[in-house]
Amino acid sequence: MRNSIVTNEIKVVGIDLAKESFQLHGVNEQGHVIVRKKLSRRKLMLFMTHLPPCLVGMEACGGAHDWARKFRTMGHDVRLMSPQFVKPYVKSNKNDEVDAEAVCEAVQRPNMRFVPIKSIEQQDIQSLHRARSLAVSHRTAQLNQIRGFLMEYGLVAAKGVATLRKALPGILEDADNALSPMFRELLSGLQDEFHRLDERIAAYDLQIKQLSAQSDACRRLMTIPGVGPMISTILVAAVADAKAFKNGREMSAWLGLVPRQHSTGGKPKLLGISKHGDAYLRTMLIHGARSDLLAAKKKQDRRSQWAVALEARRGQNIAAVALANKIVRTAWALLSRGGEYKVTAA
């Protein structure tokens, strides 16, 4: 009876997540500690099932989105936070109990920034992109290893995936390049692995293209110059609800595409971009902006002329980042308000 009374008093819960051991810190409306305990994975589910609906805070980490979806089905108001925003609330030495208390305190702050909870579909798309990224990095490593081996035998292969793909068959068939039978066999095996990675990446690309064609949000995003299936799908996967951002600039800041500030005494000082948020998505956006910047030189609309003029004044890198910033702001408008991108005449 006493345990049910105590449970009913809990209004806010902070959970320090782990693989098997979870620290829980619960307080009542006045902020007094009601419960502080460590639970296993099974016992945590049981405890949260019997807990009346309350505010639940967790750090956005591995498994956090899965827990958030489960707790939401139980009627709890679940909020995820970036660990960097929870850290200031950690008191004294760091341990699980102190971390859980910090999470509980941070989730109650009125100005706290929360991480949108992802759906299973969003996590599927992100996993697909991460798997493709890993395959690309493996292919790059394979390419560099092959080029390094060839260099040892006096054969210089030019940079680039396509270039090496074309050159390898000729190198293997050339009987005058003094390669030993053992090395030819080794090189043939590396070539086969190289082709397998090519096929895997092509399969991922096809799957991403199909997903972008099936999504209305992706189709609308792809009307923006510089945005294709890759950017549209990962952007939709990363941004659960664009309306969670007040405006496009806030969404751009979330992705680290706005200048860092170091201001004091009323004297503003802007530095390079902050590079906060998802590095993979930010990289994809800048790559898309570079492609759009090249195409802009052949266009006469207002946006293209702005980009070309900026590149002439500040250089290609700054212009590409600025254009990526503009892409994100436009994407926010399309995701939050609907519609498609329309070219504005000069």
C-alpha atoms as a PDB file:
ATOM      1  CA  MET A   1       0.000   0.000   0.000  1.00  0.00           C
ATOM      2  CA  ARG A   2       2.825   2.341   0.921  1.00  0.00           C
ATOM      3  CA  ASN A   3       4.606   1.675  -2.386  1.00  0.00           C
ATOM      4  CA  SER A   4       1.510   2.616  -4.430  1.00  0.00           C
ATOM      5  CA  ILE A   5       1.119   5.855  -2.469  1.00  0.00           C
ATOM      6  CA  VAL A   6       4.773   6.724  -3.091  1.00  0.00           C
ATOM      7  CA  THR A   7       4.434   5.888  -6.779  1.00  0.00           C
ATOM      8  CA  ASN A   8       1.389   8.133  -7.146  1.00  0.00           C
ATOM      9  CA  GLU A   9       3.370  11.069  -5.763  1.00  0.00           C
ATOM     10  CA  ILE A  10       5.980  10.897  -8.534  1.00  0.00           C
ATOM     11  CA  LYS A  11       5.512  13.644 -11.129  1.00  0.00           C
ATOM     12  CA  VAL A  12       8.941  13.834 -12.786  1.00  0.00           C
ATOM     13  CA  VAL A  13      11.375  11.008 -13.474  1.00  0.00           C
ATOM     14  CA  GLY A  14      14.956  11.207 -14.702  1.00  0.00           C
ATOM     15  CA  ILE A  15      16.517   8.022 -16.068  1.00  0.00           C
ATOM     16  CA  ASP A  16      20.210   7.432 -16.679  1.00  0.00           C
ATOM     17  CA  LEU A  17      20.228   4.876 -19.502  1.00  0.00           C
ATOM     18  CA  ALA A  18      22.673   2.018 -19.954  1.00  0.00           C
ATOM     19  CA  LYS A  19      22.670  -1.466 -21.481  1.00  0.00           C
ATOM     20  CA  GLU A  20      21.439  -3.514 -18.539  1.00  0.00           C
ATOM     21  CA  SER A  21      21.460  -1.256 -15.462  1.00  0.00           C
ATOM     22  CA  PHE A  22      19.265   1.857 -15.279  1.00  0.00           C
ATOM     23  CA  GLN A  23      19.363   4.508 -12.554  1.00  0.00           C
ATOM     24  CA  LEU A  24      16.059   6.195 -11.802  1.00  0.00           C
ATOM     25  CA  HIS A  25      15.435   9.465  -9.931  1.00  0.00           C
ATOM     26  CA  GLY A  26      11.837  10.554  -9.214  1.00  0.00           C
ATOM     27  CA  VAL A  27      10.485  13.685  -7.529  1.00  0.00           C
ATOM     28  CA  ASN A  28       7.060  15.042  -6.593  1.00  0.00           C
ATOM     29  CA  GLU A  29       5.473  18.374  -7.558  1.00  0.00           C
ATOM     30  CA  GLN A  30       7.490  20.207  -4.882  1.00  0.00           C
ATOM     31  CA  GLY A  31      10.763  18.725  -6.133  1.00  0.00           C
ATOM     32  CA  HIS A  32      11.261  16.423  -3.157  1.00  0.00           C
ATOM     33  CA  VAL A  33      12.941  13.102  -3.918  1.00  0.00           C
ATOM     34  CA  ILE A  34      10.439  10.231  -3.806  1.00  0.00           C
ATOM     35  CA  VAL A  35      12.409   7.421  -5.363  1.00  0.00           C
ATOM     36  CA  ARG A  36      16.056   6.797  -6.170  1.00  0.00           C
ATOM     37  CA  LYS A  37      16.848   3.279  -7.323  1.00  0.00           C
ATOM     38  CA  LYS A  38      18.746   1.150  -9.815  1.00  0.00           C
ATOM     39  CA  LEU A  39      16.706  -1.226 -11.967  1.00  0.00           C
ATOM     40  CA  SER A  40      17.402  -3.927 -14.533  1.00  0.00           C
ATOM     41  CA  ARG A  41      15.928  -3.701 -18.029  1.00  0.00           C
ATOM     42  CA  ARG A  42      12.979  -5.955 -17.165  1.00  0.00           C
ATOM     43  CA  LYS A  43      12.273  -4.248 -13.845  1.00  0.00           C
ATOM     44  CA  LEU A  44      12.412  -0.801 -15.444  1.00  0.00           C
ATOM     45  CA  MET A  45       9.643  -1.767 -17.876  1.00  0.00           C
ATOM     46  CA  LEU A  46       7.589  -3.170 -15.000  1.00  0.00           C
ATOM     47  CA  PHE A  47       8.116  -0.060 -12.865  1.00  0.00           C
ATOM     48  CA  MET A  48       7.195   2.354 -15.667  1.00  0.00           C
ATOM     49  CA  THR A  49       4.118   0.291 -16.555  1.00  0.00           C
ATOM     50  CA  HIS A  50       2.689   0.690 -13.048  1.00  0.00           C
ATOM     51  CA  LEU A  51       3.772   4.334 -12.735  1.00  0.00           C
ATOM     52  CA  PRO A  52       0.962   6.889 -13.312  1.00  0.00           C
ATOM     53  CA  PRO A  53       1.560   9.190 -16.317  1.00  0.00           C
ATOM     54  CA  CYS A  54       4.338  11.664 -15.533  1.00  0.00           C
ATOM     55  CA  LEU A  55       7.146  13.663 -17.148  1.00  0.00           C
ATOM     56  CA  VAL A  56      10.087  11.401 -18.079  1.00  0.00           C
ATOM     57  CA  GLY A  57      13.494  12.774 -19.023  1.00  0.00           C
ATOM     58  CA  MET A  58      16.381  10.909 -20.661  1.00  0.00           C
ATOM     59  CA  GLU A  59      19.554  11.754 -22.505  1.00  0.00           C
ATOM     60  CA  ALA A  60      19.486  11.206 -26.271  1.00  0.00           C
ATOM     61  CA  CYS A  61      21.816   8.216 -26.623  1.00  0.00           C
ATOM     62  CA  GLY A  62      21.817   4.639 -27.889  1.00  0.00           C
ATOM     63  CA  GLY A  63      18.402   3.065 -27.291  1.00  0.00           C
ATOM     64  CA  ALA A  64      16.832   6.308 -26.042  1.00  0.00           C
ATOM     65  CA  HIS A  65      14.340   6.609 -28.919  1.00  0.00           C
ATOM     66  CA  ASP A  66      13.187   3.022 -28.434  1.00  0.00           C
ATOM     67  CA  TRP A  67      12.606   3.603 -24.709  1.00  0.00           C
ATOM     68  CA  ALA A  68      10.832   6.890 -25.470  1.00  0.00           C
ATOM     69  CA  ARG A  69       8.389   5.180 -27.836  1.00  0.00           C
ATOM     70  CA  LYS A  70       7.669   2.452 -25.272  1.00  0.00           C
ATOM     71  CA  PHE A  71       7.119   4.928 -22.428  1.00  0.00           C
ATOM     72  CA  ARG A  72       4.845   7.035 -24.621  1.00  0.00           C
ATOM     73  CA  THR A  73       2.542   4.055 -25.162  1.00  0.00           C
ATOM     74  CA  MET A  74       2.220   3.895 -21.359  1.00  0.00           C
ATOM     75  CA  GLY A  75       0.922   7.490 -21.311  1.00  0.00           C
ATOM     76  CA  HIS A  76       4.095   9.222 -20.112  1.00  0.00           C
ATOM     77  CA  ASP A  77       5.271  12.589 -21.435  1.00  0.00           C
ATOM     78  CA  VAL A  78       8.782  11.680 -22.605  1.00  0.00           C
ATOM     79  CA  ARG A  79      11.493  14.259 -23.346  1.00  0.00           C
ATOM     80  CA  LEU A  80      14.954  13.538 -24.749  1.00  0.00           C
ATOM     81  CA  MET A  81      17.845  15.957 -24.243  1.00  0.00           C
ATOM     82  CA  SER A  82      21.310  16.297 -25.651  1.00  0.00           C
ATOM     83  CA  PRO A  83      23.937  15.202 -23.066  1.00  0.00           C
ATOM     84  CA  GLN A  84      25.745  18.542 -23.441  1.00  0.00           C
ATOM     85  CA  PHE A  85      22.662  20.338 -22.096  1.00  0.00           C
ATOM     86  CA  VAL A  86      22.342  17.960 -19.141  1.00  0.00           C
ATOM     87  CA  LYS A  87      25.988  18.197 -18.082  1.00  0.00           C
ATOM     88  CA  PRO A  88      25.671  21.648 -16.365  1.00  0.00           C
ATOM     89  CA  TYR A  89      23.197  20.118 -13.899  1.00  0.00           C
ATOM     90  CA  VAL A  90      25.604  17.395 -12.730  1.00  0.00           C
ATOM     91  CA  LYS A  91      26.608  18.095  -9.134  1.00  0.00           C
ATOM     92  CA  SER A  92      29.892  16.999  -7.532  1.00  0.00           C
ATOM     93  CA  ASN A  93      31.437  13.751  -8.768  1.00  0.00           C
ATOM     94  CA  LYS A  94      29.914  11.953 -11.714  1.00  0.00           C
ATOM     95  CA  ASN A  95      28.112   8.657 -11.108  1.00  0.00           C
ATOM     96  CA  ASP A  96      24.831   7.052 -12.145  1.00  0.00           C
ATOM     97  CA  GLU A  97      22.810   8.513  -9.268  1.00  0.00           C
ATOM     98  CA  VAL A  98      24.118  12.025  -9.877  1.00  0.00           C
ATOM     99  CA  ASP A  99      23.492  11.675 -13.639  1.00  0.00           C
ATOM    100  CA  ALA A 100      19.885  10.561 -13.095  1.00  0.00           C
ATOM    101  CA  GLU A 101      19.310  13.505 -10.738  1.00  0.00           C
ATOM    102  CA  ALA A 102      20.804  15.888 -13.317  1.00  0.00           C
ATOM    103  CA  VAL A 103      18.485  14.519 -16.012  1.00  0.00           C
ATOM    104  CA  CYS A 104      15.492  14.912 -13.696  1.00  0.00           C
ATOM    105  CA  GLU A 105      16.414  18.529 -12.982  1.00  0.00           C
ATOM    106  CA  ALA A 106      17.253  19.417 -16.590  1.00  0.00           C
ATOM    107  CA  VAL A 107      13.988  18.093 -18.027  1.00  0.00           C
ATOM    108  CA  GLN A 108      12.022  20.551 -15.846  1.00  0.00           C
ATOM    109  CA  ARG A 109      13.801  23.653 -17.189  1.00  0.00           C
ATOM    110  CA  PRO A 110      11.343  25.794 -19.189  1.00  0.00           C
ATOM    111  CA  ASN A 111      13.943  26.803 -21.781  1.00  0.00           C
ATOM    112  CA  MET A 112      15.489  23.370 -22.266  1.00  0.00           C
ATOM    113  CA  ARG A 113      16.001  22.227 -25.871  1.00  0.00           C
ATOM    114  CA  PHE A 114      14.602  18.780 -26.500  1.00  0.00           C
ATOM    115  CA  VAL A 115      15.510  16.193 -29.136  1.00  0.00           C
ATOM    116  CA  PRO A 116      12.547  15.059 -31.286  1.00  0.00           C
ATOM    117  CA  ILE A 117      11.680  11.398 -30.740  1.00  0.00           C
ATOM    118  CA  LYS A 118      12.216   9.392 -33.905  1.00  0.00           C
ATOM    119  CA  SER A 119       9.790   6.841 -35.302  1.00  0.00           C
ATOM    120  CA  ILE A 120      10.880   3.358 -36.344  1.00  0.00           C
ATOM    121  CA  GLU A 121      10.651   4.428 -39.997  1.00  0.00           C
ATOM    122  CA  GLN A 122      13.022   7.342 -39.370  1.00  0.00           C
ATOM    123  CA  GLN A 123      15.505   5.080 -37.613  1.00  0.00           C
ATOM    124  CA  ASP A 124      15.277   2.614 -40.519  1.00  0.00           C
ATOM    125  CA  ILE A 125      16.281   5.333 -42.978  1.00  0.00           C
ATOM    126  CA  GLN A 126      19.103   6.546 -40.746  1.00  0.00           C
ATOM    127  CA  SER A 127      20.396   2.984 -40.384  1.00  0.00           C
ATOM    128  CA  LEU A 128      20.339   2.603 -44.164  1.00  0.00           C
ATOM    129  CA  HIS A 129      22.362   5.788 -44.598  1.00  0.00           C
ATOM    130  CA  ARG A 130      24.856   4.761 -41.923  1.00  0.00           C
ATOM    131  CA  ALA A 131      25.308   1.347 -43.546  1.00  0.00           C
ATOM    132  CA  ARG A 132      25.931   3.016 -46.912  1.00  0.00           C
ATOM    133  CA  SER A 133      28.413   5.435 -45.349  1.00  0.00           C
ATOM    134  CA  LEU A 134      30.310   2.519 -43.803  1.00  0.00           C
ATOM    135  CA  ALA A 135      30.404   0.687 -47.152  1.00  0.00           C
ATOM    136  CA  VAL A 136      31.738   3.820 -48.860  1.00  0.00           C
ATOM    137  CA  SER A 137      34.478   4.195 -46.248  1.00  0.00           C
ATOM    138  CA  HIS A 138      35.430   0.517 -46.671  1.00  0.00           C
ATOM    139  CA  ARG A 139      35.590   0.970 -50.447  1.00  0.00           C
ATOM    140  CA  THR A 140      37.795   4.031 -50.031  1.00  0.00           C
ATOM    141  CA  ALA A 141      40.108   2.074 -47.728  1.00  0.00           C
ATOM    142  CA  GLN A 142      40.180  -0.797 -50.235  1.00  0.00           C
ATOM    143  CA  LEU A 143      40.996   1.620 -53.046  1.00  0.00           C
ATOM    144  CA  ASN A 144      43.850   3.196 -51.089  1.00  0.00           C
ATOM    145  CA  GLN A 145      45.269  -0.199 -50.187  1.00  0.00           C
ATOM    146  CA  ILE A 146      45.259  -1.311 -53.832  1.00  0.00           C
ATOM    147  CA  ARG A 147      46.921   1.922 -54.946  1.00  0.00           C
ATOM    148  CA  GLY A 148      49.530   1.526 -52.210  1.00  0.00           C
ATOM    149  CA  PHE A 149      50.304  -2.055 -53.250  1.00  0.00           C
ATOM    150  CA  LEU A 150      50.627  -1.050 -56.910  1.00  0.00           C
ATOM    151  CA  MET A 151      52.973   1.784 -55.958  1.00  0.00           C
ATOM    152  CA  GLU A 152      55.320  -0.762 -54.348  1.00  0.00           C
ATOM    153  CA  TYR A 153      55.559  -2.516 -57.728  1.00  0.00           C
ATOM    154  CA  GLY A 154      56.202   0.696 -59.633  1.00  0.00           C
ATOM    155  CA  LEU A 155      52.646   1.058 -60.956  1.00  0.00           C
ATOM    156  CA  VAL A 156      51.045   4.441 -60.255  1.00  0.00           C
ATOM    157  CA  ALA A 157      47.235   4.435 -60.306  1.00  0.00           C
ATOM    158  CA  ALA A 158      45.398   7.736 -60.538  1.00  0.00           C
ATOM    159  CA  LYS A 159      43.025   8.792 -57.776  1.00  0.00           C
ATOM    160  CA  GLY A 160      39.308   8.144 -58.025  1.00  0.00           C
ATOM    161  CA  VAL A 161      37.013   5.143 -57.774  1.00  0.00           C
ATOM    162  CA  ALA A 162      36.006   5.167 -61.443  1.00  0.00           C
ATOM    163  CA  THR A 163      39.610   5.529 -62.611  1.00  0.00           C
ATOM    164  CA  LEU A 164      40.861   2.551 -60.603  1.00  0.00           C
ATOM    165  CA  ARG A 165      37.840   0.477 -61.594  1.00  0.00           C
ATOM    166  CA  LYS A 166      38.777   0.914 -65.251  1.00  0.00           C
ATOM    167  CA  ALA A 167      42.529   0.466 -64.726  1.00  0.00           C
ATOM    168  CA  LEU A 168      42.537  -2.763 -62.678  1.00  0.00           C
ATOM    169  CA  PRO A 169      41.524  -5.217 -65.445  1.00  0.00           C
ATOM    170  CA  GLY A 170      44.261  -3.865 -67.717  1.00  0.00           C
ATOM    171  CA  ILE A 171      46.869  -4.135 -64.953  1.00  0.00           C
ATOM    172  CA  LEU A 172      45.919  -7.747 -64.256  1.00  0.00           C
ATOM    173  CA  GLU A 173      45.999  -8.705 -67.935  1.00  0.00           C
ATOM    174  CA  ASP A 174      49.272  -6.939 -68.726  1.00  0.00           C
ATOM    175  CA  ALA A 175      51.954  -9.629 -68.892  1.00  0.00           C
ATOM    176  CA  ASP A 176      54.776  -7.109 -69.211  1.00  0.00           C
ATOM    177  CA  ASN A 177      54.361  -5.309 -65.864  1.00  0.00           C
ATOM    178  CA  ALA A 178      56.498  -7.899 -64.001  1.00  0.00           C
ATOM    179  CA  LEU A 179      53.818  -8.724 -61.414  1.00  0.00           C
ATOM    180  CA  SER A 180      54.305 -12.126 -59.810  1.00  0.00           C
ATOM    181  CA  PRO A 181      51.580 -14.806 -60.015  1.00  0.00           C
ATOM    182  CA  MET A 182      51.102 -14.581 -56.248  1.00  0.00           C
ATOM    183  CA  PHE A 183      50.508 -10.823 -56.327  1.00  0.00           C
ATOM    184  CA  ARG A 184      48.198 -11.125 -59.353  1.00  0.00           C
ATOM    185  CA  GLU A 185      46.070 -13.574 -57.381  1.00  0.00           C
ATOM    186  CA  LEU A 186      46.072 -11.239 -54.383  1.00  0.00           C
ATOM    187  CA  LEU A 187      45.170  -8.241 -56.542  1.00  0.00           C
ATOM    188  CA  SER A 188      42.378 -10.204 -58.217  1.00  0.00           C
ATOM    189  CA  GLY A 189      40.879 -10.977 -54.791  1.00  0.00           C
ATOM    190  CA  LEU A 190      41.061  -7.305 -53.795  1.00  0.00           C
ATOM    191  CA  GLN A 191      39.383  -6.386 -57.071  1.00  0.00           C
ATOM    192  CA  ASP A 192      36.528  -8.826 -56.357  1.00  0.00           C
ATOM    193  CA  GLU A 193      36.042  -7.290 -52.910  1.00  0.00           C
ATOM    194  CA  PHE A 194      36.108  -3.839 -54.508  1.00  0.00           C
ATOM    195  CA  HIS A 195      33.338  -4.892 -56.919  1.00  0.00           C
ATOM    196  CA  ARG A 196      31.263  -6.388 -54.080  1.00  0.00           C
ATOM    197  CA  LEU A 197      31.404  -3.058 -52.240  1.00  0.00           C
ATOM    198  CA  ASP A 198      30.380  -1.300 -55.456  1.00  0.00           C
ATOM    199  CA  GLU A 199      27.353  -3.581 -55.754  1.00  0.00           C
ATOM    200  CA  ARG A 200      26.396  -3.085 -52.094  1.00  0.00           C
ATOM    201  CA  ILE A 201      26.584   0.703 -52.391  1.00  0.00           C
ATOM    202  CA  ALA A 202      24.544   0.600 -55.616  1.00  0.00           C
ATOM    203  CA  ALA A 203      21.882  -1.488 -53.824  1.00  0.00           C
ATOM    204  CA  TYR A 204      21.758   1.038 -50.969  1.00  0.00           C
ATOM    205  CA  ASP A 205      21.463   3.907 -53.480  1.00  0.00           C
ATOM    206  CA  LEU A 206      18.570   2.189 -55.236  1.00  0.00           C
ATOM    207  CA  GLN A 207      16.763   1.584 -51.942  1.00  0.00           C
ATOM    208  CA  ILE A 208      17.226   5.230 -50.916  1.00  0.00           C
ATOM    209  CA  LYS A 209      15.937   6.379 -54.303  1.00  0.00           C
ATOM    210  CA  GLN A 210      12.835   4.211 -53.922  1.00  0.00           C
ATOM    211  CA  LEU A 211      12.186   5.554 -50.422  1.00  0.00           C
ATOM    212  CA  SER A 212      12.444   9.147 -51.647  1.00  0.00           C
ATOM    213  CA  ALA A 213       9.949   8.421 -54.432  1.00  0.00           C
ATOM    214  CA  GLN A 214       7.448   6.969 -51.948  1.00  0.00           C
ATOM    215  CA  SER A 215       7.588   9.937 -49.535  1.00  0.00           C
ATOM    216  CA  ASP A 216       5.595  13.083 -50.244  1.00  0.00           C
ATOM    217  CA  ALA A 217       7.912  15.148 -48.021  1.00  0.00           C
ATOM    218  CA  CYS A 218      10.974  13.877 -49.900  1.00  0.00           C
ATOM    219  CA  ARG A 219       9.405  14.665 -53.266  1.00  0.00           C
ATOM    220  CA  ARG A 220       8.727  18.233 -52.171  1.00  0.00           C
ATOM    221  CA  LEU A 221      12.227  18.649 -50.759  1.00  0.00           C
ATOM    222  CA  MET A 222      13.752  17.459 -54.028  1.00  0.00           C
ATOM    223  CA  THR A 223      12.253  20.483 -55.789  1.00  0.00           C
ATOM    224  CA  ILE A 224      14.962  22.528 -53.985  1.00  0.00           C
ATOM    225  CA  PRO A 225      18.108  22.903 -56.133  1.00  0.00           C
ATOM    226  CA  GLY A 226      20.932  20.819 -54.682  1.00  0.00           C
ATOM    227  CA  VAL A 227      18.615  18.351 -52.920  1.00  0.00           C
ATOM    228  CA  GLY A 228      18.309  14.796 -54.227  1.00  0.00           C
ATOM    229  CA  PRO A 229      17.242  11.422 -52.807  1.00  0.00           C
ATOM    230  CA  MET A 230      20.200  11.229 -50.400  1.00  0.00           C
ATOM    231  CA  ILE A 231      19.651  14.609 -48.728  1.00  0.00           C
ATOM    232  CA  SER A 232      15.855  14.475 -48.772  1.00  0.00           C
ATOM    233  CA  THR A 233      15.634  11.077 -47.070  1.00  0.00           C
ATOM    234  CA  ILE A 234      18.226  11.752 -44.368  1.00  0.00           C
ATOM    235  CA  LEU A 235      16.706  15.187 -43.680  1.00  0.00           C
ATOM    236  CA  VAL A 236      13.222  13.730 -43.244  1.00  0.00           C
ATOM    237  CA  ALA A 237      14.693  10.991 -41.026  1.00  0.00           C
ATOM    238  CA  ALA A 238      16.567  13.492 -38.849  1.00  0.00           C
ATOM    239  CA  VAL A 239      13.760  16.049 -38.493  1.00  0.00           C
ATOM    240  CA  ALA A 240      10.761  14.384 -36.896  1.00  0.00           C
ATOM    241  CA  ASP A 241       8.678  17.554 -36.896  1.00  0.00           C
ATOM    242  CA  ALA A 242       9.898  20.762 -38.543  1.00  0.00           C
ATOM    243  CA  LYS A 243       7.351  22.747 -36.517  1.00  0.00           C
ATOM    244  CA  ALA A 244       9.431  21.988 -33.420  1.00  0.00           C
ATOM    245  CA  PHE A 245      11.763  24.736 -34.714  1.00  0.00           C
ATOM    246  CA  LYS A 246      10.578  28.335 -34.531  1.00  0.00           C
ATOM    247  CA  ASN A 247      12.048  29.190 -37.905  1.00  0.00           C
ATOM    248  CA  GLY A 248      14.482  28.039 -40.535  1.00  0.00           C
ATOM    249  CA  ARG A 249      17.438  29.689 -38.831  1.00  0.00           C
ATOM    250  CA  GLU A 250      16.847  27.674 -35.658  1.00  0.00           C
ATOM    251  CA  MET A 251      16.818  24.468 -37.695  1.00  0.00           C
ATOM    252  CA  SER A 252      20.014  25.562 -39.455  1.00  0.00           C
ATOM    253  CA  ALA A 253      21.623  26.293 -36.080  1.00  0.00           C
ATOM    254  CA  TRP A 254      20.566  22.821 -34.904  1.00  0.00           C
ATOM    255  CA  LEU A 255      22.616  21.410 -37.789  1.00  0.00           C
ATOM    256  CA  GLY A 256      25.635  23.609 -37.036  1.00  0.00           C
ATOM    257  CA  LEU A 257      25.435  25.736 -40.203  1.00  0.00           C
ATOM    258  CA  VAL A 258      25.425  29.143 -38.496  1.00  0.00           C
ATOM    259  CA  PRO A 259      28.440  31.102 -37.172  1.00  0.00           C
ATOM    260  CA  ARG A 260      29.735  30.564 -33.654  1.00  0.00           C
ATOM    261  CA  GLN A 261      29.679  33.659 -31.475  1.00  0.00           C
ATOM    262  CA  HIS A 262      32.245  34.920 -28.994  1.00  0.00           C
ATOM    263  CA  SER A 263      30.849  38.266 -27.906  1.00  0.00           C
ATOM    264  CA  THR A 264      31.456  40.376 -24.805  1.00  0.00           C
ATOM    265  CA  GLY A 265      30.940  43.947 -23.726  1.00  0.00           C
ATOM    266  CA  GLY A 266      28.357  44.495 -26.427  1.00  0.00           C
ATOM    267  CA  LYS A 267      30.912  43.728 -29.149  1.00  0.00           C
ATOM    268  CA  PRO A 268      29.685  40.849 -31.337  1.00  0.00           C
ATOM    269  CA  LYS A 269      32.307  38.597 -32.894  1.00  0.00           C
ATOM    270  CA  LEU A 270      31.298  35.896 -35.374  1.00  0.00           C
ATOM    271  CA  LEU A 271      33.567  32.900 -35.973  1.00  0.00           C
ATOM    272  CA  GLY A 272      33.320  29.825 -38.206  1.00  0.00           C
ATOM    273  CA  ILE A 273      30.249  27.608 -38.263  1.00  0.00           C
ATOM    274  CA  SER A 274      29.439  25.869 -34.974  1.00  0.00           C
ATOM    275  CA  LYS A 275      29.361  22.311 -36.450  1.00  0.00           C
ATOM    276  CA  HIS A 276      26.749  21.256 -33.909  1.00  0.00           C
ATOM    277  CA  GLY A 277      24.332  18.447 -34.612  1.00  0.00           C
ATOM    278  CA  ASP A 278      24.479  15.645 -37.161  1.00  0.00           C
ATOM    279  CA  ALA A 279      27.868  15.746 -38.925  1.00  0.00           C
ATOM    280  CA  TYR A 280      26.759  13.280 -41.609  1.00  0.00           C
ATOM    281  CA  LEU A 281      23.692  15.318 -42.566  1.00  0.00           C
ATOM    282  CA  ARG A 282      25.662  18.573 -42.502  1.00  0.00           C
ATOM    283  CA  THR A 283      28.287  17.047 -44.803  1.00  0.00           C
ATOM    284  CA  MET A 284      25.620  15.848 -47.233  1.00  0.00           C
ATOM    285  CA  LEU A 285      24.023  19.296 -47.301  1.00  0.00           C
ATOM    286  CA  ILE A 286      27.333  20.986 -48.078  1.00  0.00           C
ATOM    287  CA  HIS A 287      28.042  18.462 -50.852  1.00  0.00           C
ATOM    288  CA  GLY A 288      24.615  19.220 -52.309  1.00  0.00           C
ATOM    289  CA  ALA A 289      25.314  22.938 -52.044  1.00  0.00           C
ATOM    290  CA  ARG A 290      28.612  22.529 -53.922  1.00  0.00           C
ATOM    291  CA  SER A 291      26.789  20.768 -56.736  1.00  0.00           C
ATOM    292  CA  ASP A 292      24.145  23.492 -56.811  1.00  0.00           C
ATOM    293  CA  LEU A 293      26.869  26.161 -56.824  1.00  0.00           C
ATOM    294  CA  LEU A 294      28.362  24.692 -60.000  1.00  0.00           C
ATOM    295  CA  ALA A 295      24.959  24.620 -61.702  1.00  0.00           C
ATOM    296  CA  ALA A 296      24.151  28.164 -60.522  1.00  0.00           C
ATOM    297  CA  LYS A 297      26.719  29.623 -62.915  1.00  0.00           C
ATOM    298  CA  LYS A 298      24.491  28.601 -65.827  1.00  0.00           C
ATOM    299  CA  LYS A 299      21.262  30.000 -64.320  1.00  0.00           C
ATOM    300  CA  GLN A 300      19.802  33.487 -64.146  1.00  0.00           C
ATOM    301  CA  ASP A 301      17.337  33.272 -61.246  1.00  0.00           C
ATOM    302  CA  ARG A 302      17.780  35.416 -58.139  1.00  0.00           C
ATOM    303  CA  ARG A 303      19.037  32.593 -55.902  1.00  0.00           C
ATOM    304  CA  SER A 304      21.680  31.475 -58.402  1.00  0.00           C
ATOM    305  CA  GLN A 305      22.924  35.017 -58.976  1.00  0.00           C
ATOM    306  CA  TRP A 306      23.206  35.522 -55.209  1.00  0.00           C
ATOM    307  CA  ALA A 307      25.249  32.322 -54.854  1.00  0.00           C
ATOM    308  CA  VAL A 308      27.584  33.183 -57.747  1.00  0.00           C
ATOM    309  CA  ALA A 309      28.140  36.727 -56.434  1.00  0.00           C
ATOM    310  CA  LEU A 310      28.882  35.379 -52.938  1.00  0.00           C
ATOM    311  CA  GLU A 311      31.406  32.904 -54.337  1.00  0.00           C
ATOM    312  CA  ALA A 312      33.157  35.716 -56.194  1.00  0.00           C
ATOM    313  CA  ARG A 313      33.404  37.788 -52.983  1.00  0.00           C
ATOM    314  CA  ARG A 314      34.130  35.142 -50.331  1.00  0.00           C
ATOM    315  CA  GLY A 315      35.321  32.004 -52.107  1.00  0.00           C
ATOM    316  CA  GLN A 316      33.836  28.617 -52.909  1.00  0.00           C
ATOM    317  CA  ASN A 317      33.865  27.107 -49.398  1.00  0.00           C
ATOM    318  CA  ILE A 318      32.052  29.962 -47.676  1.00  0.00           C
ATOM    319  CA  ALA A 319      29.575  30.197 -50.540  1.00  0.00           C
ATOM    320  CA  ALA A 320      28.850  26.455 -50.311  1.00  0.00           C
ATOM    321  CA  VAL A 321      28.186  26.616 -46.557  1.00  0.00           C
ATOM    322  CA  ALA A 322      25.983  29.704 -46.995  1.00  0.00           C
ATOM    323  CA  LEU A 323      24.038  27.932 -49.732  1.00  0.00           C
ATOM    324  CA  ALA A 324      23.646  24.853 -47.504  1.00  0.00           C
ATOM    325  CA  ASN A 325      22.250  27.183 -44.836  1.00  0.00           C
ATOM    326  CA  LYS A 326      19.746  28.529 -47.351  1.00  0.00           C
ATOM    327  CA  ILE A 327      18.795  24.982 -48.394  1.00  0.00           C
ATOM    328  CA  VAL A 328      18.000  24.090 -44.767  1.00  0.00           C
ATOM    329  CA  ARG A 329      15.897  27.229 -44.280  1.00  0.00           C
ATOM    330  CA  THR A 330      13.962  26.469 -47.459  1.00  0.00           C
ATOM    331  CA  ALA A 331      13.536  22.846 -46.360  1.00  0.00           C
ATOM    332  CA  TRP A 332      12.102  24.022 -43.029  1.00  0.00           C
ATOM    333  CA  ALA A 333       9.534  26.156 -44.868  1.00  0.00           C
ATOM    334  CA  LEU A 334       8.448  23.250 -47.074  1.00  0.00           C
ATOM    335  CA  LEU A 335       8.285  20.739 -44.200  1.00  0.00           C
ATOM    336  CA  SER A 336       6.431  23.034 -41.798  1.00  0.00           C
ATOM    337  CA  ARG A 337       4.121  24.832 -44.242  1.00  0.00           C
ATOM    338  CA  GLY A 338       3.841  22.458 -47.181  1.00  0.00           C
ATOM    339  CA  GLY A 339       4.159  23.314 -50.857  1.00  0.00           C
ATOM    340  CA  GLU A 340       7.056  23.076 -53.294  1.00  0.00           C
ATOM    341  CA  TYR A 341      10.048  25.245 -54.070  1.00  0.00           C
ATOM    342  CA  LYS A 342       9.469  27.807 -56.802  1.00  0.00           C
ATOM    343  CA  VAL A 343      12.246  29.591 -58.667  1.00  0.00           C
ATOM    344  CA  THR A 344      12.234  33.368 -58.260  1.00  0.00           C
ATOM    345  CA  ALA A 345      13.161  35.292 -61.375  1.00  0.00           C
ATOM    346  CA  ALA A 346      16.021  37.764 -61.217  1.00  0.00           C
END
